[in-house]
Amino acid sequence: MSFQNIDKNALLKTINEAKKQKGNKNFTQSMDLIITTHGLNLKKPENRIRCVIKLPNSIGNEKKIIVFADSNINDSAKSAGADKVMNNSEIDTLAGNKKEGKKLVGNYDFFLSEPKMIKKVGQILGFAMGPKGKSPQVITPTTDMKKMISELKNSVNIYLKSRPEVSSKIGDETMESETLAENAHTFISTFNQELGEKGRIANICFKTTMGKTVKVK
């Protein structure tokens, strides 16, 4: 089956089946999208895929965003909904403290930084950000912080470095299947664009946290 122009109805049908296969658990299970690729040679650095995919709907839990800023961006980031804002002196407290640096990177999904702080952020937190593909996105005084943060709250960060497979939460079992299918369609379409001629999508599957994996046919 070709996944270049995946039909939403095929996604909807598979999502409904994954819901049936979820089993009865006493917690809300996430709905995960799993994509395996073929022909993607990740031994070549240029073939590695790193991107942020903005989804059209909420995925059930908002992503956490941290902003590194030491100017008036600091205040605008706070009012725009950033979960944490750190200035120069606060970043300096993490220098040499790899345990706290790793903890910080693990607690946040997206990182934004004004240009003059990028180098310092890289020097102090790069060891933890790099392996997770969490490099900071650059912001300037002209950046629409409210819009950017709002979009990132419903985005997912993708980084294919060693395994030619990607798995991501696209919502949870309580969401309408049509809503989940919209998120999945956007994810797959964007991933296809990033994949380009490097390889192709081999399989697409859905599963809940504790449920069975169901393949799109």
C-alpha atoms as a PDB file:
ATOM      1  CA  MET A   1       0.000   0.000   0.000  1.00  0.00           C
ATOM      2  CA  SER A   2       1.258   3.489  -0.863  1.00  0.00           C
ATOM      3  CA  PHE A   3       1.136   6.021   1.960  1.00  0.00           C
ATOM      4  CA  GLN A   4       1.992   9.068  -0.136  1.00  0.00           C
ATOM      5  CA  ASN A   5      -1.634  10.244  -0.101  1.00  0.00           C
ATOM      6  CA  ILE A   6      -3.145   8.359   2.792  1.00  0.00           C
ATOM      7  CA  ASP A   7      -6.938   8.317   2.952  1.00  0.00           C
ATOM      8  CA  LYS A   8      -8.451   9.692   6.168  1.00  0.00           C
ATOM      9  CA  ASN A   9     -11.123   7.001   6.094  1.00  0.00           C
ATOM     10  CA  ALA A  10      -8.446   4.315   6.293  1.00  0.00           C
ATOM     11  CA  LEU A  11      -6.991   6.050   9.343  1.00  0.00           C
ATOM     12  CA  LEU A  12     -10.422   6.441  10.930  1.00  0.00           C
ATOM     13  CA  LYS A  13     -11.218   2.756  10.447  1.00  0.00           C
ATOM     14  CA  THR A  14      -7.915   1.674  12.012  1.00  0.00           C
ATOM     15  CA  ILE A  15      -8.246   4.069  14.956  1.00  0.00           C
ATOM     16  CA  ASN A  16     -11.720   2.690  15.713  1.00  0.00           C
ATOM     17  CA  GLU A  17     -10.316  -0.828  15.648  1.00  0.00           C
ATOM     18  CA  ALA A  18      -7.450   0.183  17.969  1.00  0.00           C
ATOM     19  CA  LYS A  19     -10.026   1.545  20.420  1.00  0.00           C
ATOM     20  CA  LYS A  20     -11.825  -1.796  20.380  1.00  0.00           C
ATOM     21  CA  GLN A  21      -8.529  -3.546  21.108  1.00  0.00           C
ATOM     22  CA  LYS A  22      -7.578  -1.310  24.039  1.00  0.00           C
ATOM     23  CA  GLY A  23      -8.819  -3.565  26.826  1.00  0.00           C
ATOM     24  CA  ASN A  24     -10.395  -2.309  30.039  1.00  0.00           C
ATOM     25  CA  LYS A  25      -7.953  -0.281  32.105  1.00  0.00           C
ATOM     26  CA  ASN A  26      -8.613   2.075  35.017  1.00  0.00           C
ATOM     27  CA  PHE A  27      -6.795   4.998  33.420  1.00  0.00           C
ATOM     28  CA  THR A  28      -7.088   7.050  30.240  1.00  0.00           C
ATOM     29  CA  GLN A  29      -4.880   5.480  27.605  1.00  0.00           C
ATOM     30  CA  SER A  30      -3.068   7.479  24.971  1.00  0.00           C
ATOM     31  CA  MET A  31      -3.524   6.803  21.262  1.00  0.00           C
ATOM     32  CA  ASP A  32      -0.158   6.340  19.605  1.00  0.00           C
ATOM     33  CA  LEU A  33       0.762   6.494  15.935  1.00  0.00           C
ATOM     34  CA  ILE A  34       3.654   4.278  14.831  1.00  0.00           C
ATOM     35  CA  ILE A  35       5.349   4.667  11.453  1.00  0.00           C
ATOM     36  CA  THR A  36       8.040   2.338  10.137  1.00  0.00           C
ATOM     37  CA  THR A  37      10.102   3.279   7.108  1.00  0.00           C
ATOM     38  CA  HIS A  38      11.919   1.398   4.371  1.00  0.00           C
ATOM     39  CA  GLY A  39      15.170   2.388   2.686  1.00  0.00           C
ATOM     40  CA  LEU A  40      16.030   5.136   5.173  1.00  0.00           C
ATOM     41  CA  ASN A  41      19.776   4.909   5.785  1.00  0.00           C
ATOM     42  CA  LEU A  42      20.295   6.680   9.097  1.00  0.00           C
ATOM     43  CA  LYS A  43      24.012   5.893   9.102  1.00  0.00           C
ATOM     44  CA  LYS A  44      24.284   8.914   6.841  1.00  0.00           C
ATOM     45  CA  PRO A  45      23.808  12.046   8.995  1.00  0.00           C
ATOM     46  CA  GLU A  46      22.075  13.872   6.150  1.00  0.00           C
ATOM     47  CA  ASN A  47      19.276  11.295   6.216  1.00  0.00           C
ATOM     48  CA  ARG A  48      18.401  11.844   9.854  1.00  0.00           C
ATOM     49  CA  ILE A  49      15.034  13.466  10.343  1.00  0.00           C
ATOM     50  CA  ARG A  50      14.450  16.180  12.924  1.00  0.00           C
ATOM     51  CA  CYS A  51      11.291  18.260  12.803  1.00  0.00           C
ATOM     52  CA  VAL A  52       8.434  19.746  14.791  1.00  0.00           C
ATOM     53  CA  ILE A  53       4.966  18.739  13.617  1.00  0.00           C
ATOM     54  CA  LYS A  54       2.120  21.091  14.503  1.00  0.00           C
ATOM     55  CA  LEU A  55      -1.118  19.162  14.907  1.00  0.00           C
ATOM     56  CA  PRO A  56      -4.564  20.671  14.225  1.00  0.00           C
ATOM     57  CA  ASN A  57      -6.072  19.460  17.499  1.00  0.00           C
ATOM     58  CA  SER A  58      -5.067  19.033  21.116  1.00  0.00           C
ATOM     59  CA  ILE A  59      -3.409  15.725  21.980  1.00  0.00           C
ATOM     60  CA  GLY A  60      -4.827  15.639  25.492  1.00  0.00           C
ATOM     61  CA  ASN A  61      -1.891  17.121  27.367  1.00  0.00           C
ATOM     62  CA  GLU A  62      -0.155  20.356  26.515  1.00  0.00           C
ATOM     63  CA  LYS A  63       3.560  20.331  25.822  1.00  0.00           C
ATOM     64  CA  LYS A  64       5.836  22.166  28.245  1.00  0.00           C
ATOM     65  CA  ILE A  65       7.848  25.065  26.893  1.00  0.00           C
ATOM     66  CA  ILE A  66      10.879  26.829  28.321  1.00  0.00           C
ATOM     67  CA  VAL A  67      12.242  30.145  27.046  1.00  0.00           C
ATOM     68  CA  PHE A  68      15.800  31.424  27.440  1.00  0.00           C
ATOM     69  CA  ALA A  69      15.692  35.200  27.321  1.00  0.00           C
ATOM     70  CA  ASP A  70      17.386  38.115  29.019  1.00  0.00           C
ATOM     71  CA  SER A  71      15.571  41.037  27.382  1.00  0.00           C
ATOM     72  CA  ASN A  72      11.987  42.250  27.115  1.00  0.00           C
ATOM     73  CA  ILE A  73      11.240  38.882  25.504  1.00  0.00           C
ATOM     74  CA  ASN A  74      11.428  37.547  29.032  1.00  0.00           C
ATOM     75  CA  ASP A  75       8.211  39.288  30.074  1.00  0.00           C
ATOM     76  CA  SER A  76       6.360  38.652  26.807  1.00  0.00           C
ATOM     77  CA  ALA A  77       7.168  34.936  27.044  1.00  0.00           C
ATOM     78  CA  LYS A  78       5.674  34.727  30.516  1.00  0.00           C
ATOM     79  CA  SER A  79       2.467  36.458  29.492  1.00  0.00           C
ATOM     80  CA  ALA A  80       2.276  34.311  26.330  1.00  0.00           C
ATOM     81  CA  GLY A  81       2.080  31.107  28.355  1.00  0.00           C
ATOM     82  CA  ALA A  82       5.637  29.789  28.588  1.00  0.00           C
ATOM     83  CA  ASP A  83       5.945  27.242  31.384  1.00  0.00           C
ATOM     84  CA  LYS A  84       9.353  28.556  32.430  1.00  0.00           C
ATOM     85  CA  VAL A  85      11.608  31.481  31.492  1.00  0.00           C
ATOM     86  CA  MET A  86      15.319  31.548  32.344  1.00  0.00           C
ATOM     87  CA  ASN A  87      17.731  34.463  32.063  1.00  0.00           C
ATOM     88  CA  ASN A  88      21.530  34.387  31.771  1.00  0.00           C
ATOM     89  CA  SER A  89      22.256  34.174  35.466  1.00  0.00           C
ATOM     90  CA  GLU A  90      19.759  31.350  35.963  1.00  0.00           C
ATOM     91  CA  ILE A  91      21.339  29.312  33.164  1.00  0.00           C
ATOM     92  CA  ASP A  92      24.762  29.907  34.711  1.00  0.00           C
ATOM     93  CA  THR A  93      23.631  28.062  37.854  1.00  0.00           C
ATOM     94  CA  LEU A  94      23.413  24.884  35.753  1.00  0.00           C
ATOM     95  CA  ALA A  95      27.000  25.066  34.489  1.00  0.00           C
ATOM     96  CA  GLY A  96      28.836  21.904  35.504  1.00  0.00           C
ATOM     97  CA  ASN A  97      25.707  20.402  37.064  1.00  0.00           C
ATOM     98  CA  LYS A  98      24.871  17.701  34.555  1.00  0.00           C
ATOM     99  CA  LYS A  99      22.312  16.051  36.802  1.00  0.00           C
ATOM    100  CA  GLU A 100      20.161  19.187  37.025  1.00  0.00           C
ATOM    101  CA  GLY A 101      20.760  20.002  33.359  1.00  0.00           C
ATOM    102  CA  LYS A 102      19.567  16.569  32.270  1.00  0.00           C
ATOM    103  CA  LYS A 103      16.566  16.859  34.559  1.00  0.00           C
ATOM    104  CA  LEU A 104      15.619  20.238  33.097  1.00  0.00           C
ATOM    105  CA  VAL A 105      15.832  19.000  29.509  1.00  0.00           C
ATOM    106  CA  GLY A 106      13.788  15.936  30.390  1.00  0.00           C
ATOM    107  CA  ASN A 107      11.028  18.018  31.964  1.00  0.00           C
ATOM    108  CA  TYR A 108      10.377  20.225  28.932  1.00  0.00           C
ATOM    109  CA  ASP A 109       9.343  19.444  25.373  1.00  0.00           C
ATOM    110  CA  PHE A 110      10.301  22.600  23.468  1.00  0.00           C
ATOM    111  CA  PHE A 111      13.059  25.160  23.971  1.00  0.00           C
ATOM    112  CA  LEU A 112      13.074  28.728  22.664  1.00  0.00           C
ATOM    113  CA  SER A 113      16.005  31.111  22.916  1.00  0.00           C
ATOM    114  CA  GLU A 114      16.918  34.600  21.821  1.00  0.00           C
ATOM    115  CA  PRO A 115      20.025  34.604  19.542  1.00  0.00           C
ATOM    116  CA  LYS A 116      22.516  36.009  22.041  1.00  0.00           C
ATOM    117  CA  MET A 117      21.848  33.137  24.460  1.00  0.00           C
ATOM    118  CA  ILE A 118      21.980  30.246  21.982  1.00  0.00           C
ATOM    119  CA  LYS A 119      25.717  29.673  22.441  1.00  0.00           C
ATOM    120  CA  LYS A 120      25.532  29.566  26.223  1.00  0.00           C
ATOM    121  CA  VAL A 121      22.497  27.275  26.184  1.00  0.00           C
ATOM    122  CA  GLY A 122      24.403  24.922  23.877  1.00  0.00           C
ATOM    123  CA  GLN A 123      27.518  24.945  26.052  1.00  0.00           C
ATOM    124  CA  ILE A 124      25.610  24.184  29.255  1.00  0.00           C
ATOM    125  CA  LEU A 125      22.693  22.031  28.096  1.00  0.00           C
ATOM    126  CA  GLY A 126      23.798  20.741  24.690  1.00  0.00           C
ATOM    127  CA  PHE A 127      24.974  17.420  26.141  1.00  0.00           C
ATOM    128  CA  ALA A 128      21.379  16.626  27.138  1.00  0.00           C
ATOM    129  CA  MET A 129      19.515  18.368  24.311  1.00  0.00           C
ATOM    130  CA  GLY A 130      21.478  16.862  21.410  1.00  0.00           C
ATOM    131  CA  PRO A 131      20.634  13.166  21.906  1.00  0.00           C
ATOM    132  CA  LYS A 132      16.940  14.031  22.235  1.00  0.00           C
ATOM    133  CA  GLY A 133      16.804  16.348  19.236  1.00  0.00           C
ATOM    134  CA  LYS A 134      15.681  19.243  21.413  1.00  0.00           C
ATOM    135  CA  SER A 135      17.765  22.054  19.968  1.00  0.00           C
ATOM    136  CA  PRO A 136      16.351  25.510  20.833  1.00  0.00           C
ATOM    137  CA  GLN A 137      14.310  27.411  18.281  1.00  0.00           C
ATOM    138  CA  VAL A 138      15.388  31.022  17.788  1.00  0.00           C
ATOM    139  CA  ILE A 139      13.062  33.852  18.812  1.00  0.00           C
ATOM    140  CA  THR A 140      13.449  37.608  18.340  1.00  0.00           C
ATOM    141  CA  PRO A 141      11.584  40.715  19.540  1.00  0.00           C
ATOM    142  CA  THR A 142       9.394  40.452  16.420  1.00  0.00           C
ATOM    143  CA  THR A 143       8.345  36.863  17.141  1.00  0.00           C
ATOM    144  CA  ASP A 144       4.646  36.470  17.883  1.00  0.00           C
ATOM    145  CA  MET A 145       5.224  34.681  21.172  1.00  0.00           C
ATOM    146  CA  LYS A 146       1.579  34.005  21.900  1.00  0.00           C
ATOM    147  CA  LYS A 147       1.009  32.352  18.529  1.00  0.00           C
ATOM    148  CA  MET A 148       4.256  30.384  18.626  1.00  0.00           C
ATOM    149  CA  ILE A 149       3.719  29.034  22.131  1.00  0.00           C
ATOM    150  CA  SER A 150       0.082  28.224  21.401  1.00  0.00           C
ATOM    151  CA  GLU A 151       1.094  26.175  18.345  1.00  0.00           C
ATOM    152  CA  LEU A 152       3.885  24.372  20.165  1.00  0.00           C
ATOM    153  CA  LYS A 153       1.514  23.333  22.944  1.00  0.00           C
ATOM    154  CA  ASN A 154      -0.138  21.015  20.398  1.00  0.00           C
ATOM    155  CA  SER A 155       3.005  19.982  18.537  1.00  0.00           C
ATOM    156  CA  VAL A 156       5.249  16.928  18.632  1.00  0.00           C
ATOM    157  CA  ASN A 157       9.017  16.795  18.299  1.00  0.00           C
ATOM    158  CA  ILE A 158      10.379  14.124  15.948  1.00  0.00           C
ATOM    159  CA  TYR A 159      13.978  12.926  15.799  1.00  0.00           C
ATOM    160  CA  LEU A 160      15.016   9.857  13.821  1.00  0.00           C
ATOM    161  CA  LYS A 161      18.684   9.268  14.539  1.00  0.00           C
ATOM    162  CA  SER A 162      19.351   5.546  14.865  1.00  0.00           C
ATOM    163  CA  ARG A 163      16.078   3.687  14.325  1.00  0.00           C
ATOM    164  CA  PRO A 164      14.030   4.149  11.110  1.00  0.00           C
ATOM    165  CA  GLU A 165      10.804   4.209  13.093  1.00  0.00           C
ATOM    166  CA  VAL A 166       8.808   6.968  14.767  1.00  0.00           C
ATOM    167  CA  SER A 167       6.178   6.686  17.478  1.00  0.00           C
ATOM    168  CA  SER A 168       4.131   9.589  18.771  1.00  0.00           C
ATOM    169  CA  LYS A 169       1.071  10.280  20.853  1.00  0.00           C
ATOM    170  CA  ILE A 170      -1.678  11.900  18.774  1.00  0.00           C
ATOM    171  CA  GLY A 171      -4.354  12.050  21.480  1.00  0.00           C
ATOM    172  CA  ASP A 172      -6.106   9.711  23.889  1.00  0.00           C
ATOM    173  CA  GLU A 173      -8.885   7.137  23.845  1.00  0.00           C
ATOM    174  CA  THR A 174     -11.548   9.625  25.014  1.00  0.00           C
ATOM    175  CA  MET A 175     -11.153  11.830  21.930  1.00  0.00           C
ATOM    176  CA  GLU A 176     -13.414  11.552  18.899  1.00  0.00           C
ATOM    177  CA  SER A 177     -11.952   9.201  16.299  1.00  0.00           C
ATOM    178  CA  GLU A 178     -12.384  11.891  13.634  1.00  0.00           C
ATOM    179  CA  THR A 179     -10.234  14.268  15.695  1.00  0.00           C
ATOM    180  CA  LEU A 180      -7.548  11.626  16.128  1.00  0.00           C
ATOM    181  CA  ALA A 181      -7.659  10.900  12.397  1.00  0.00           C
ATOM    182  CA  GLU A 182      -7.114  14.607  11.622  1.00  0.00           C
ATOM    183  CA  ASN A 183      -4.051  14.664  13.875  1.00  0.00           C
ATOM    184  CA  ALA A 184      -2.757  11.443  12.323  1.00  0.00           C
ATOM    185  CA  HIS A 185      -3.286  12.695   8.774  1.00  0.00           C
ATOM    186  CA  THR A 186      -1.375  15.917   9.465  1.00  0.00           C
ATOM    187  CA  PHE A 187       1.424  13.958  11.149  1.00  0.00           C
ATOM    188  CA  ILE A 188       1.761  11.472   8.277  1.00  0.00           C
ATOM    189  CA  SER A 189       1.596  14.154   5.568  1.00  0.00           C
ATOM    190  CA  THR A 190       4.274  16.265   7.267  1.00  0.00           C
ATOM    191  CA  PHE A 191       6.469  13.246   7.931  1.00  0.00           C
ATOM    192  CA  ASN A 192       6.170  12.212   4.280  1.00  0.00           C
ATOM    193  CA  GLN A 193       7.414  15.653   3.247  1.00  0.00           C
ATOM    194  CA  GLU A 194      10.375  15.423   5.624  1.00  0.00           C
ATOM    195  CA  LEU A 195      11.139  11.898   4.398  1.00  0.00           C
ATOM    196  CA  GLY A 196      11.200  13.014   0.769  1.00  0.00           C
ATOM    197  CA  GLU A 197      13.451  10.811  -1.376  1.00  0.00           C
ATOM    198  CA  LYS A 198      15.406   9.473   1.598  1.00  0.00           C
ATOM    199  CA  GLY A 199      13.081   6.506   1.996  1.00  0.00           C
ATOM    200  CA  ARG A 200       9.411   5.614   2.119  1.00  0.00           C
ATOM    201  CA  ILE A 201       6.781   4.735   4.682  1.00  0.00           C
ATOM    202  CA  ALA A 202       6.465   0.955   4.990  1.00  0.00           C
ATOM    203  CA  ASN A 203       3.741   0.614   7.633  1.00  0.00           C
ATOM    204  CA  ILE A 204       1.406   2.763   9.718  1.00  0.00           C
ATOM    205  CA  CYS A 205      -0.085   1.421  12.940  1.00  0.00           C
ATOM    206  CA  PHE A 206      -2.139   2.657  15.864  1.00  0.00           C
ATOM    207  CA  LYS A 207      -2.299   1.405  19.429  1.00  0.00           C
ATOM    208  CA  THR A 208      -3.460   2.534  22.835  1.00  0.00           C
ATOM    209  CA  THR A 209      -1.053   2.450  25.774  1.00  0.00           C
ATOM    210  CA  MET A 210      -1.920  -1.101  26.787  1.00  0.00           C
ATOM    211  CA  GLY A 211      -3.797  -2.242  23.687  1.00  0.00           C
ATOM    212  CA  LYS A 212      -2.954  -4.293  20.641  1.00  0.00           C
ATOM    213  CA  THR A 213      -1.195  -2.787  17.637  1.00  0.00           C
ATOM    214  CA  VAL A 214      -3.484  -2.381  14.625  1.00  0.00           C
ATOM    215  CA  LYS A 215      -2.048  -1.828  11.138  1.00  0.00           C
ATOM    216  CA  VAL A 216      -3.546   0.454   8.502  1.00  0.00           C
ATOM    217  CA  LYS A 217      -4.575  -1.690   5.512  1.00  0.00           C
END
